[in-house]
Structures are given as structure tokens and as C-alpha cells.
Amino acid sequence: MTHASGGHEDGHLESVVLYALQALPSMGSAAVEAHIAACAECRQELQALRPVVGAFASWPTDVLRPATSLWNRLAQRIADETGRAPMPSTPRRSAEPDWFDAAPGIACTLLATDTENNRVSMLVRLAPGTDYPPHRHAGIEELHLLDGELVVDDKTLYPGDYLRSEPDTVDRRVWSQTGCTCVLMTSIDDVII
């Protein structure tokens, strides 16, 4: 991918790629986000990169983030060539949470629990060809699809799609032919039917 316009700086594409991979130091992310918000070309590049990055969803994040020593050497080399101060490395994130099998073909990892409101946020992975059991929503359910395709009753969702379900509604068939990963925020009182 290359930028067509002659006035666009070459470093912007590299920053967008690093941003898409979540491999920028936290201090650099805000500046890149601001640039992407103001630059149609970089927004288009980011959109083109999302499916590629989505294919990495099951990879550990440290595969995409260079070791601190490598980052420091690379940052110094870039600083020497550009005359700018080197970007500091980011501290390593803690290990990813453990996934647990909720049912055959369905794995979850808990992100947060709100016991006061009986809500939970989690990542959910469905293996290819898996059905999620029919269920009634005890509260608002919000689903954001990150990877793969998911069919909820008569709606097919693709990466980036969002689905909100109201309390007391029923999902009769939830399944994925391709397998998928989603962020799910729902009530802990949902009822399998």
C-alpha cells in the first residue's frame, strides 16, 4: 500500500501500520489517532489494514510487539536518521487472560464484571460451524464482531458490525460458519432456552 499524493509524508503510512498492529508506544498513539482523524488517506489505509490485523486476532500480542531492546535500537536508528528524539518503548503488557471453554466450540475470556448491575463483558470465540444456544436477554446485550462472520437469527454480521439486543428479546439461532471472535457485554441473568 502506498500513498498516491506527493505531499503526504512517508512516515505516516508506517505510523498507521504500527497503530493498526497496536505496536506504538502509548505516548505515540494519541498523535497518530489525531493524524488519522484529520487525514482521509490514512483513514483509508487503516480501513484496508483492519482485515489483515483481524487475521492476527488469535496471536499473542507480544508476537506483534518487538522486544524492548530491539525497539530501543530501532528507535535510536530512526532518531539518528531523522534528527528527532527517539520514541521510548512501552512496558510489556501482562499476559493475556486465560480462555475457558464455555461449551463445545465456544471459548470465553472475562474482561470485566459489574456485580452491581449483573453485567459482564467478555471476549467470545466460536469455532467454525458452532452454534450458540438459543437464549433470552435479561438486560441489554451489546455485541461487537471483531473477526469472522456471525449469524444472529436473520442478520449476518461482519467484522466491525455492532448488534444491540433489548431486554426480554430472544436470539433463536446464533452461529458461525467461519468461526468468529466478538466482544460481548450482557447480563449474567440471561436464560438459555
N, C-alpha and C. Protein backbone atom coordinates (compact mmCIF):
# COMPACT_ATOMS: atom_id res chain seq x y z
N MET A 1 0.83 -1.16 0.00
CA MET A 1 0.00 0.00 0.00
C MET A 1 0.89 1.24 0.00
N THR A 2 0.61 2.13 -0.88
CA THR A 2 1.36 3.38 -0.92
C THR A 2 0.41 4.53 -1.08
N HIS A 3 0.85 5.67 -0.64
CA HIS A 3 0.04 6.88 -0.78
C HIS A 3 0.29 7.46 -2.16
N ALA A 4 -0.79 7.89 -2.80
CA ALA A 4 -0.70 8.43 -4.14
C ALA A 4 -0.29 9.89 -4.13
N SER A 5 -0.69 10.64 -3.12
CA SER A 5 -0.42 12.07 -3.14
C SER A 5 1.04 12.33 -2.83
N GLY A 6 1.63 13.25 -3.58
CA GLY A 6 3.04 13.55 -3.41
C GLY A 6 3.35 14.30 -2.14
N GLY A 7 2.36 15.04 -1.56
CA GLY A 7 2.62 15.84 -0.37
C GLY A 7 2.50 15.07 0.93
N HIS A 8 2.12 13.86 0.87
CA HIS A 8 1.90 13.07 2.09
C HIS A 8 3.23 12.50 2.56
N GLU A 9 3.54 12.65 3.86
CA GLU A 9 4.82 12.17 4.38
C GLU A 9 4.86 10.65 4.43
N ASP A 10 6.00 10.06 4.04
CA ASP A 10 6.17 8.61 4.04
C ASP A 10 6.01 8.01 5.43
N GLY A 11 6.40 8.72 6.46
CA GLY A 11 6.32 8.21 7.82
C GLY A 11 4.91 7.99 8.31
N HIS A 12 3.94 8.66 7.68
CA HIS A 12 2.56 8.50 8.13
C HIS A 12 2.06 7.08 7.90
N LEU A 13 2.39 6.50 6.75
CA LEU A 13 1.95 5.13 6.48
C LEU A 13 2.54 4.17 7.51
N GLU A 14 3.82 4.33 7.82
CA GLU A 14 4.44 3.47 8.83
C GLU A 14 3.75 3.62 10.18
N SER A 15 3.40 4.84 10.55
CA SER A 15 2.70 5.07 11.82
C SER A 15 1.33 4.43 11.82
N VAL A 16 0.62 4.50 10.69
CA VAL A 16 -0.71 3.89 10.60
C VAL A 16 -0.60 2.38 10.73
N VAL A 17 0.41 1.78 10.10
CA VAL A 17 0.61 0.33 10.20
C VAL A 17 0.91 -0.06 11.65
N LEU A 18 1.82 0.65 12.29
CA LEU A 18 2.14 0.36 13.69
C LEU A 18 0.92 0.56 14.59
N TYR A 19 0.13 1.60 14.29
CA TYR A 19 -1.09 1.84 15.06
C TYR A 19 -2.07 0.69 14.88
N ALA A 20 -2.27 0.23 13.65
CA ALA A 20 -3.18 -0.88 13.37
C ALA A 20 -2.74 -2.14 14.11
N LEU A 21 -1.45 -2.34 14.24
CA LEU A 21 -0.91 -3.51 14.93
C LEU A 21 -0.86 -3.32 16.44
N GLN A 22 -1.24 -2.13 16.92
CA GLN A 22 -1.16 -1.78 18.33
C GLN A 22 0.27 -1.95 18.84
N ALA A 23 1.21 -1.52 18.00
CA ALA A 23 2.63 -1.67 18.34
C ALA A 23 3.29 -0.32 18.60
N LEU A 24 2.51 0.74 18.73
CA LEU A 24 3.06 2.05 19.06
C LEU A 24 3.16 2.22 20.57
N PRO A 25 4.14 2.96 21.04
CA PRO A 25 4.15 3.30 22.46
C PRO A 25 2.90 4.13 22.76
N SER A 26 2.41 4.05 23.98
CA SER A 26 1.17 4.75 24.33
C SER A 26 1.27 6.25 24.06
N MET A 27 2.44 6.83 24.26
CA MET A 27 2.60 8.27 24.01
C MET A 27 2.46 8.58 22.53
N GLY A 28 2.83 7.67 21.64
CA GLY A 28 2.73 7.91 20.21
C GLY A 28 1.35 7.67 19.65
N SER A 29 0.55 6.87 20.32
CA SER A 29 -0.78 6.52 19.82
C SER A 29 -1.69 7.73 19.69
N ALA A 30 -1.67 8.62 20.68
CA ALA A 30 -2.56 9.79 20.64
C ALA A 30 -2.27 10.67 19.44
N ALA A 31 -0.99 10.88 19.13
CA ALA A 31 -0.63 11.71 17.99
C ALA A 31 -1.06 11.06 16.68
N VAL A 32 -0.89 9.74 16.57
CA VAL A 32 -1.29 9.03 15.35
C VAL A 32 -2.82 9.05 15.22
N GLU A 33 -3.53 8.85 16.33
CA GLU A 33 -5.00 8.91 16.28
C GLU A 33 -5.47 10.28 15.79
N ALA A 34 -4.85 11.34 16.27
CA ALA A 34 -5.22 12.69 15.85
C ALA A 34 -4.95 12.87 14.36
N HIS A 35 -3.80 12.37 13.89
CA HIS A 35 -3.49 12.48 12.46
C HIS A 35 -4.49 11.70 11.61
N ILE A 36 -4.81 10.47 12.03
CA ILE A 36 -5.76 9.65 11.27
C ILE A 36 -7.11 10.33 11.20
N ALA A 37 -7.54 10.95 12.29
CA ALA A 37 -8.82 11.65 12.31
C ALA A 37 -8.86 12.79 11.30
N ALA A 38 -7.71 13.41 11.04
CA ALA A 38 -7.65 14.54 10.14
C ALA A 38 -7.24 14.18 8.71
N CYS A 39 -6.85 12.94 8.46
CA CYS A 39 -6.28 12.57 7.15
C CYS A 39 -7.10 11.45 6.51
N ALA A 40 -7.81 11.78 5.45
CA ALA A 40 -8.65 10.80 4.76
C ALA A 40 -7.80 9.65 4.20
N GLU A 41 -6.61 9.96 3.69
CA GLU A 41 -5.75 8.91 3.14
C GLU A 41 -5.34 7.89 4.20
N CYS A 42 -4.98 8.38 5.38
CA CYS A 42 -4.57 7.47 6.45
C CYS A 42 -5.75 6.68 7.00
N ARG A 43 -6.94 7.30 7.05
CA ARG A 43 -8.14 6.55 7.47
C ARG A 43 -8.41 5.42 6.49
N GLN A 44 -8.24 5.70 5.19
CA GLN A 44 -8.44 4.66 4.17
C GLN A 44 -7.41 3.54 4.33
N GLU A 45 -6.17 3.89 4.60
CA GLU A 45 -5.13 2.88 4.83
C GLU A 45 -5.47 2.02 6.04
N LEU A 46 -5.94 2.66 7.12
CA LEU A 46 -6.30 1.93 8.33
C LEU A 46 -7.44 0.96 8.05
N GLN A 47 -8.45 1.41 7.30
CA GLN A 47 -9.57 0.53 6.93
C GLN A 47 -9.08 -0.67 6.13
N ALA A 48 -8.13 -0.46 5.23
CA ALA A 48 -7.59 -1.55 4.41
C ALA A 48 -6.79 -2.53 5.25
N LEU A 49 -6.17 -2.05 6.34
CA LEU A 49 -5.34 -2.91 7.19
C LEU A 49 -6.17 -3.72 8.18
N ARG A 50 -7.36 -3.27 8.53
CA ARG A 50 -8.15 -3.94 9.58
C ARG A 50 -8.39 -5.43 9.30
N PRO A 51 -8.78 -5.84 8.07
CA PRO A 51 -8.98 -7.29 7.87
C PRO A 51 -7.68 -8.09 8.06
N VAL A 52 -6.56 -7.50 7.68
CA VAL A 52 -5.27 -8.18 7.83
C VAL A 52 -4.95 -8.35 9.31
N VAL A 53 -5.11 -7.27 10.07
CA VAL A 53 -4.83 -7.32 11.51
C VAL A 53 -5.83 -8.26 12.18
N GLY A 54 -7.08 -8.26 11.70
CA GLY A 54 -8.08 -9.15 12.26
C GLY A 54 -7.68 -10.61 12.15
N ALA A 55 -6.92 -10.95 11.11
CA ALA A 55 -6.46 -12.33 10.95
C ALA A 55 -5.47 -12.72 12.04
N PHE A 56 -4.91 -11.71 12.72
CA PHE A 56 -3.97 -11.98 13.80
C PHE A 56 -4.67 -12.10 15.15
N ALA A 57 -6.00 -12.07 15.19
CA ALA A 57 -6.76 -11.97 16.45
C ALA A 57 -6.36 -13.03 17.47
N SER A 58 -6.02 -14.22 17.01
CA SER A 58 -5.71 -15.28 17.97
C SER A 58 -4.22 -15.33 18.33
N TRP A 59 -3.41 -14.46 17.73
CA TRP A 59 -1.99 -14.44 18.06
C TRP A 59 -1.76 -13.71 19.37
N PRO A 60 -0.77 -14.13 20.14
CA PRO A 60 -0.42 -13.35 21.33
C PRO A 60 0.11 -11.98 20.90
N THR A 61 -0.23 -10.93 21.65
CA THR A 61 0.17 -9.58 21.25
C THR A 61 1.67 -9.39 21.23
N ASP A 62 2.43 -10.15 22.02
CA ASP A 62 3.87 -9.97 22.02
C ASP A 62 4.52 -10.39 20.71
N VAL A 63 3.84 -11.18 19.89
CA VAL A 63 4.37 -11.55 18.57
C VAL A 63 4.47 -10.30 17.70
N LEU A 64 3.53 -9.37 17.89
CA LEU A 64 3.48 -8.17 17.07
C LEU A 64 4.29 -7.02 17.65
N ARG A 65 4.70 -7.10 18.89
CA ARG A 65 5.42 -6.02 19.55
C ARG A 65 6.88 -6.45 19.73
N PRO A 66 7.81 -5.63 19.21
CA PRO A 66 9.21 -6.03 19.34
C PRO A 66 9.68 -5.98 20.79
N ALA A 67 10.71 -6.76 21.07
CA ALA A 67 11.32 -6.75 22.40
C ALA A 67 11.81 -5.34 22.70
N THR A 68 11.86 -4.98 23.97
CA THR A 68 12.26 -3.63 24.37
C THR A 68 13.64 -3.27 23.81
N SER A 69 14.58 -4.21 23.87
CA SER A 69 15.93 -3.91 23.38
C SER A 69 15.93 -3.63 21.87
N LEU A 70 15.14 -4.41 21.11
CA LEU A 70 15.04 -4.18 19.67
C LEU A 70 14.37 -2.84 19.41
N TRP A 71 13.27 -2.56 20.13
CA TRP A 71 12.56 -1.29 19.94
C TRP A 71 13.52 -0.12 20.20
N ASN A 72 14.30 -0.18 21.28
CA ASN A 72 15.20 0.91 21.61
C ASN A 72 16.26 1.12 20.53
N ARG A 73 16.82 0.03 20.00
CA ARG A 73 17.81 0.15 18.92
C ARG A 73 17.17 0.75 17.67
N LEU A 74 15.97 0.27 17.33
CA LEU A 74 15.28 0.77 16.15
C LEU A 74 14.90 2.24 16.33
N ALA A 75 14.38 2.61 17.51
CA ALA A 75 14.01 4.00 17.78
C ALA A 75 15.23 4.91 17.69
N GLN A 76 16.38 4.46 18.19
CA GLN A 76 17.60 5.27 18.12
C GLN A 76 18.06 5.43 16.68
N ARG A 77 17.97 4.37 15.90
CA ARG A 77 18.39 4.45 14.48
C ARG A 77 17.49 5.43 13.72
N ILE A 78 16.18 5.36 13.96
CA ILE A 78 15.25 6.29 13.31
C ILE A 78 15.54 7.71 13.77
N ALA A 79 15.80 7.90 15.05
CA ALA A 79 16.11 9.24 15.58
C ALA A 79 17.38 9.79 14.94
N ASP A 80 18.41 8.94 14.80
CA ASP A 80 19.65 9.38 14.17
C ASP A 80 19.43 9.82 12.73
N GLU A 81 18.56 9.09 12.01
CA GLU A 81 18.32 9.41 10.60
C GLU A 81 17.40 10.61 10.42
N THR A 82 16.49 10.84 11.36
CA THR A 82 15.52 11.93 11.20
C THR A 82 15.89 13.18 11.99
N GLY A 83 16.80 13.04 12.96
CA GLY A 83 17.16 14.17 13.80
C GLY A 83 16.15 14.44 14.91
N ARG A 84 15.21 13.53 15.10
CA ARG A 84 14.21 13.68 16.16
C ARG A 84 14.58 12.82 17.36
N ALA A 85 13.97 13.14 18.49
CA ALA A 85 14.21 12.34 19.70
C ALA A 85 13.61 10.95 19.52
N PRO A 86 14.28 9.91 20.04
CA PRO A 86 13.73 8.55 19.90
C PRO A 86 12.45 8.38 20.71
N MET A 87 11.52 7.57 20.18
CA MET A 87 10.29 7.24 20.92
C MET A 87 10.64 6.20 21.96
N PRO A 88 10.22 6.43 23.21
CA PRO A 88 10.52 5.43 24.24
C PRO A 88 9.70 4.16 24.02
N SER A 89 10.23 3.05 24.49
CA SER A 89 9.49 1.79 24.37
C SER A 89 8.38 1.76 25.40
N THR A 90 7.39 0.92 25.15
CA THR A 90 6.29 0.78 26.09
C THR A 90 6.58 -0.40 27.01
N PRO A 91 6.11 -0.34 28.23
CA PRO A 91 6.30 -1.50 29.09
C PRO A 91 5.49 -2.68 28.55
N ARG A 92 5.99 -3.86 28.77
CA ARG A 92 5.28 -5.07 28.34
C ARG A 92 3.96 -5.19 29.06
N ARG A 93 2.95 -5.58 28.33
CA ARG A 93 1.65 -5.82 28.95
C ARG A 93 1.69 -7.16 29.67
N SER A 94 0.83 -7.27 30.65
CA SER A 94 0.76 -8.55 31.34
C SER A 94 0.21 -9.60 30.38
N ALA A 95 0.37 -10.83 30.74
CA ALA A 95 -0.08 -11.93 29.89
C ALA A 95 -1.58 -11.80 29.62
N GLU A 96 -1.99 -12.28 28.46
CA GLU A 96 -3.40 -12.25 28.11
C GLU A 96 -4.17 -13.12 29.08
N PRO A 97 -5.44 -12.75 29.33
CA PRO A 97 -6.25 -13.56 30.23
C PRO A 97 -6.44 -14.96 29.66
N ASP A 98 -6.72 -15.89 30.56
CA ASP A 98 -6.96 -17.27 30.15
C ASP A 98 -8.32 -17.41 29.48
N TRP A 99 -8.36 -18.21 28.44
CA TRP A 99 -9.61 -18.56 27.78
C TRP A 99 -10.14 -19.82 28.45
N PHE A 100 -11.45 -19.91 28.61
CA PHE A 100 -12.05 -21.13 29.13
C PHE A 100 -13.13 -21.59 28.17
N ASP A 101 -13.33 -22.89 28.10
CA ASP A 101 -14.35 -23.46 27.23
C ASP A 101 -15.70 -23.38 27.94
N ALA A 102 -16.61 -22.58 27.36
CA ALA A 102 -17.95 -22.44 27.93
C ALA A 102 -18.86 -23.57 27.46
N ALA A 103 -18.60 -24.08 26.27
CA ALA A 103 -19.35 -25.18 25.67
C ALA A 103 -18.51 -25.67 24.50
N PRO A 104 -18.83 -26.83 23.92
CA PRO A 104 -18.04 -27.28 22.78
C PRO A 104 -18.03 -26.23 21.65
N GLY A 105 -16.82 -25.82 21.27
CA GLY A 105 -16.65 -24.85 20.20
C GLY A 105 -16.80 -23.40 20.63
N ILE A 106 -17.05 -23.15 21.91
CA ILE A 106 -17.24 -21.79 22.41
C ILE A 106 -16.23 -21.54 23.53
N ALA A 107 -15.36 -20.54 23.32
CA ALA A 107 -14.37 -20.17 24.33
C ALA A 107 -14.59 -18.71 24.72
N CYS A 108 -14.35 -18.40 25.99
CA CYS A 108 -14.57 -17.05 26.51
C CYS A 108 -13.38 -16.63 27.34
N THR A 109 -13.19 -15.33 27.44
CA THR A 109 -12.27 -14.76 28.40
C THR A 109 -12.96 -13.55 29.01
N LEU A 110 -13.02 -13.50 30.31
CA LEU A 110 -13.71 -12.45 31.03
C LEU A 110 -12.89 -11.16 30.98
N LEU A 111 -13.54 -10.05 30.63
CA LEU A 111 -12.88 -8.75 30.62
C LEU A 111 -13.22 -7.95 31.88
N ALA A 112 -14.53 -7.93 32.22
CA ALA A 112 -14.96 -7.18 33.40
C ALA A 112 -16.30 -7.71 33.88
N THR A 113 -16.53 -7.56 35.19
CA THR A 113 -17.80 -7.96 35.78
C THR A 113 -18.34 -6.78 36.58
N ASP A 114 -19.61 -6.46 36.36
CA ASP A 114 -20.31 -5.41 37.10
C ASP A 114 -21.37 -6.10 37.94
N THR A 115 -21.00 -6.50 39.16
CA THR A 115 -21.92 -7.26 40.01
C THR A 115 -23.09 -6.41 40.47
N GLU A 116 -22.89 -5.10 40.58
CA GLU A 116 -23.98 -4.21 41.00
C GLU A 116 -25.12 -4.22 39.98
N ASN A 117 -24.79 -4.31 38.68
CA ASN A 117 -25.80 -4.29 37.62
C ASN A 117 -25.99 -5.65 36.96
N ASN A 118 -25.35 -6.70 37.50
CA ASN A 118 -25.44 -8.06 36.95
C ASN A 118 -25.04 -8.12 35.48
N ARG A 119 -23.92 -7.44 35.13
CA ARG A 119 -23.44 -7.43 33.75
C ARG A 119 -22.03 -7.97 33.67
N VAL A 120 -21.70 -8.45 32.51
CA VAL A 120 -20.37 -8.99 32.26
C VAL A 120 -19.93 -8.55 30.87
N SER A 121 -18.63 -8.30 30.72
CA SER A 121 -18.02 -8.03 29.42
C SER A 121 -17.00 -9.12 29.18
N MET A 122 -17.01 -9.69 27.97
CA MET A 122 -16.08 -10.77 27.67
C MET A 122 -15.78 -10.84 26.19
N LEU A 123 -14.68 -11.49 25.88
CA LEU A 123 -14.39 -11.88 24.51
C LEU A 123 -14.93 -13.29 24.33
N VAL A 124 -15.58 -13.52 23.21
CA VAL A 124 -16.15 -14.84 22.93
C VAL A 124 -15.64 -15.28 21.56
N ARG A 125 -15.19 -16.52 21.49
CA ARG A 125 -14.75 -17.12 20.22
C ARG A 125 -15.64 -18.33 19.93
N LEU A 126 -16.17 -18.36 18.72
CA LEU A 126 -16.90 -19.53 18.24
C LEU A 126 -16.04 -20.21 17.20
N ALA A 127 -15.85 -21.51 17.32
CA ALA A 127 -15.11 -22.27 16.32
C ALA A 127 -15.97 -22.37 15.05
N PRO A 128 -15.36 -22.60 13.89
CA PRO A 128 -16.15 -22.74 12.67
C PRO A 128 -17.24 -23.80 12.81
N GLY A 129 -18.45 -23.45 12.35
CA GLY A 129 -19.57 -24.37 12.38
C GLY A 129 -20.27 -24.48 13.73
N THR A 130 -19.96 -23.58 14.66
CA THR A 130 -20.51 -23.67 16.01
C THR A 130 -21.80 -22.87 16.15
N ASP A 131 -22.75 -23.44 16.89
CA ASP A 131 -23.99 -22.77 17.26
C ASP A 131 -23.91 -22.37 18.73
N TYR A 132 -24.36 -21.14 19.04
CA TYR A 132 -24.51 -20.69 20.42
C TYR A 132 -25.95 -21.01 20.81
N PRO A 133 -26.21 -21.48 22.00
CA PRO A 133 -27.58 -21.90 22.34
C PRO A 133 -28.59 -20.75 22.27
N PRO A 134 -29.84 -21.04 21.91
CA PRO A 134 -30.88 -20.01 21.95
C PRO A 134 -30.98 -19.47 23.38
N HIS A 135 -31.22 -18.16 23.50
CA HIS A 135 -31.26 -17.55 24.82
C HIS A 135 -32.14 -16.30 24.83
N ARG A 136 -32.64 -15.98 26.02
CA ARG A 136 -33.44 -14.78 26.26
C ARG A 136 -32.56 -13.78 27.00
N HIS A 137 -32.58 -12.51 26.55
CA HIS A 137 -31.76 -11.47 27.16
C HIS A 137 -32.46 -10.92 28.40
N ALA A 138 -31.79 -10.99 29.53
CA ALA A 138 -32.32 -10.45 30.77
C ALA A 138 -32.11 -8.93 30.85
N GLY A 139 -31.18 -8.44 30.07
CA GLY A 139 -30.89 -7.00 30.01
C GLY A 139 -30.41 -6.67 28.60
N ILE A 140 -29.92 -5.48 28.43
CA ILE A 140 -29.38 -5.08 27.12
C ILE A 140 -28.14 -5.92 26.83
N GLU A 141 -28.05 -6.43 25.62
CA GLU A 141 -26.86 -7.15 25.17
C GLU A 141 -26.25 -6.36 24.04
N GLU A 142 -24.92 -6.15 24.12
CA GLU A 142 -24.19 -5.45 23.06
C GLU A 142 -23.10 -6.37 22.55
N LEU A 143 -23.03 -6.52 21.24
CA LEU A 143 -22.06 -7.40 20.62
C LEU A 143 -21.34 -6.61 19.54
N HIS A 144 -20.01 -6.67 19.56
CA HIS A 144 -19.18 -6.04 18.52
C HIS A 144 -18.32 -7.14 17.91
N LEU A 145 -18.53 -7.42 16.63
CA LEU A 145 -17.81 -8.51 15.98
C LEU A 145 -16.42 -8.04 15.55
N LEU A 146 -15.40 -8.77 15.99
CA LEU A 146 -14.02 -8.42 15.68
C LEU A 146 -13.48 -9.18 14.48
N ASP A 147 -13.88 -10.44 14.34
CA ASP A 147 -13.27 -11.30 13.33
C ASP A 147 -14.28 -12.36 12.91
N GLY A 148 -14.26 -12.75 11.63
CA GLY A 148 -15.13 -13.80 11.13
C GLY A 148 -16.52 -13.28 10.81
N GLU A 149 -17.45 -14.21 10.63
CA GLU A 149 -18.84 -13.86 10.38
C GLU A 149 -19.71 -14.54 11.43
N LEU A 150 -20.78 -13.86 11.81
CA LEU A 150 -21.70 -14.38 12.81
C LEU A 150 -23.12 -14.13 12.32
N VAL A 151 -23.96 -15.15 12.39
CA VAL A 151 -25.36 -15.01 12.02
C VAL A 151 -26.19 -15.07 13.30
N VAL A 152 -26.99 -14.02 13.51
CA VAL A 152 -27.91 -13.97 14.65
C VAL A 152 -29.31 -13.90 14.05
N ASP A 153 -30.03 -15.03 14.18
CA ASP A 153 -31.34 -15.18 13.54
C ASP A 153 -31.22 -14.87 12.05
N ASP A 154 -31.77 -13.76 11.57
CA ASP A 154 -31.72 -13.48 10.13
C ASP A 154 -30.70 -12.40 9.76
N LYS A 155 -29.83 -12.00 10.70
CA LYS A 155 -28.84 -10.96 10.45
C LYS A 155 -27.44 -11.57 10.36
N THR A 156 -26.71 -11.26 9.29
CA THR A 156 -25.32 -11.68 9.17
C THR A 156 -24.43 -10.51 9.53
N LEU A 157 -23.54 -10.74 10.50
CA LEU A 157 -22.62 -9.71 10.95
C LEU A 157 -21.23 -9.98 10.41
N TYR A 158 -20.51 -8.90 10.09
CA TYR A 158 -19.15 -8.96 9.57
C TYR A 158 -18.24 -8.16 10.49
N PRO A 159 -16.91 -8.34 10.40
CA PRO A 159 -16.00 -7.62 11.30
C PRO A 159 -16.32 -6.12 11.32
N GLY A 160 -16.42 -5.59 12.54
CA GLY A 160 -16.74 -4.18 12.73
C GLY A 160 -18.21 -3.93 13.00
N ASP A 161 -19.07 -4.92 12.73
CA ASP A 161 -20.51 -4.73 12.95
C ASP A 161 -20.84 -4.77 14.44
N TYR A 162 -21.91 -4.07 14.78
CA TYR A 162 -22.39 -3.95 16.16
C TYR A 162 -23.85 -4.37 16.19
N LEU A 163 -24.24 -5.10 17.22
CA LEU A 163 -25.62 -5.51 17.38
C LEU A 163 -26.04 -5.26 18.82
N ARG A 164 -27.16 -4.57 18.98
CA ARG A 164 -27.71 -4.31 20.31
C ARG A 164 -29.04 -5.05 20.40
N SER A 165 -29.21 -5.83 21.46
CA SER A 165 -30.46 -6.55 21.70
C SER A 165 -31.08 -6.03 22.99
N GLU A 166 -32.37 -5.80 22.95
CA GLU A 166 -33.09 -5.25 24.09
C GLU A 166 -33.46 -6.33 25.10
N PRO A 167 -33.73 -5.93 26.34
CA PRO A 167 -34.16 -6.90 27.35
C PRO A 167 -35.42 -7.66 26.91
N ASP A 168 -35.49 -8.91 27.29
CA ASP A 168 -36.61 -9.81 27.04
C ASP A 168 -36.74 -10.23 25.58
N THR A 169 -35.75 -9.91 24.74
CA THR A 169 -35.77 -10.42 23.37
C THR A 169 -35.05 -11.76 23.35
N VAL A 170 -35.28 -12.53 22.30
CA VAL A 170 -34.72 -13.88 22.20
C VAL A 170 -33.87 -14.00 20.94
N ASP A 171 -32.69 -14.58 21.09
CA ASP A 171 -31.89 -14.99 19.93
C ASP A 171 -32.13 -16.48 19.76
N ARG A 172 -32.85 -16.86 18.70
CA ARG A 172 -33.21 -18.26 18.48
C ARG A 172 -32.06 -19.06 17.88
N ARG A 173 -31.29 -18.43 16.98
CA ARG A 173 -30.14 -19.13 16.39
C ARG A 173 -28.99 -18.15 16.26
N VAL A 174 -27.89 -18.49 16.87
CA VAL A 174 -26.64 -17.73 16.77
C VAL A 174 -25.59 -18.74 16.36
N TRP A 175 -24.97 -18.51 15.19
CA TRP A 175 -24.00 -19.49 14.71
C TRP A 175 -22.99 -18.83 13.79
N SER A 176 -21.87 -19.53 13.61
CA SER A 176 -20.81 -19.03 12.74
C SER A 176 -20.27 -20.16 11.88
N GLN A 177 -20.40 -19.98 10.60
CA GLN A 177 -19.83 -20.95 9.65
C GLN A 177 -18.31 -20.83 9.61
N THR A 178 -17.81 -19.59 9.71
CA THR A 178 -16.38 -19.32 9.55
C THR A 178 -15.61 -19.40 10.86
N GLY A 179 -16.34 -19.32 11.98
CA GLY A 179 -15.70 -19.07 13.27
C GLY A 179 -15.62 -17.57 13.44
N CYS A 180 -15.61 -17.10 14.67
CA CYS A 180 -15.59 -15.65 14.88
C CYS A 180 -15.10 -15.32 16.29
N THR A 181 -14.76 -14.05 16.48
CA THR A 181 -14.40 -13.51 17.78
C THR A 181 -15.18 -12.22 17.96
N CYS A 182 -15.79 -12.05 19.14
CA CYS A 182 -16.57 -10.84 19.39
C CYS A 182 -16.37 -10.37 20.82
N VAL A 183 -16.67 -9.08 21.03
CA VAL A 183 -16.76 -8.52 22.37
C VAL A 183 -18.24 -8.57 22.71
N LEU A 184 -18.57 -9.14 23.86
CA LEU A 184 -19.96 -9.29 24.27
C LEU A 184 -20.14 -8.67 25.65
N MET A 185 -21.10 -7.76 25.75
CA MET A 185 -21.47 -7.15 27.03
C MET A 185 -22.93 -7.52 27.26
N THR A 186 -23.18 -8.26 28.32
CA THR A 186 -24.52 -8.80 28.52
C THR A 186 -24.82 -8.99 29.99
N SER A 187 -26.05 -9.39 30.27
CA SER A 187 -26.47 -9.66 31.63
C SER A 187 -26.02 -11.05 32.04
N ILE A 188 -25.66 -11.21 33.30
CA ILE A 188 -25.31 -12.54 33.80
C ILE A 188 -26.57 -13.36 34.07
N ASP A 189 -27.74 -12.71 33.93
CA ASP A 189 -29.00 -13.40 34.18
C ASP A 189 -29.68 -13.86 32.90
N ASP A 190 -28.99 -13.80 31.74
CA ASP A 190 -29.58 -14.32 30.50
C ASP A 190 -30.00 -15.78 30.73
N VAL A 191 -31.04 -16.20 30.02
CA VAL A 191 -31.58 -17.55 30.22
C VAL A 191 -31.45 -18.36 28.93
N ILE A 192 -30.78 -19.52 29.02
CA ILE A 192 -30.71 -20.44 27.89
C ILE A 192 -32.09 -21.09 27.76
N ILE A 193 -32.64 -21.11 26.53
CA ILE A 193 -33.97 -21.68 26.35
C ILE A 193 -33.92 -22.92 25.46
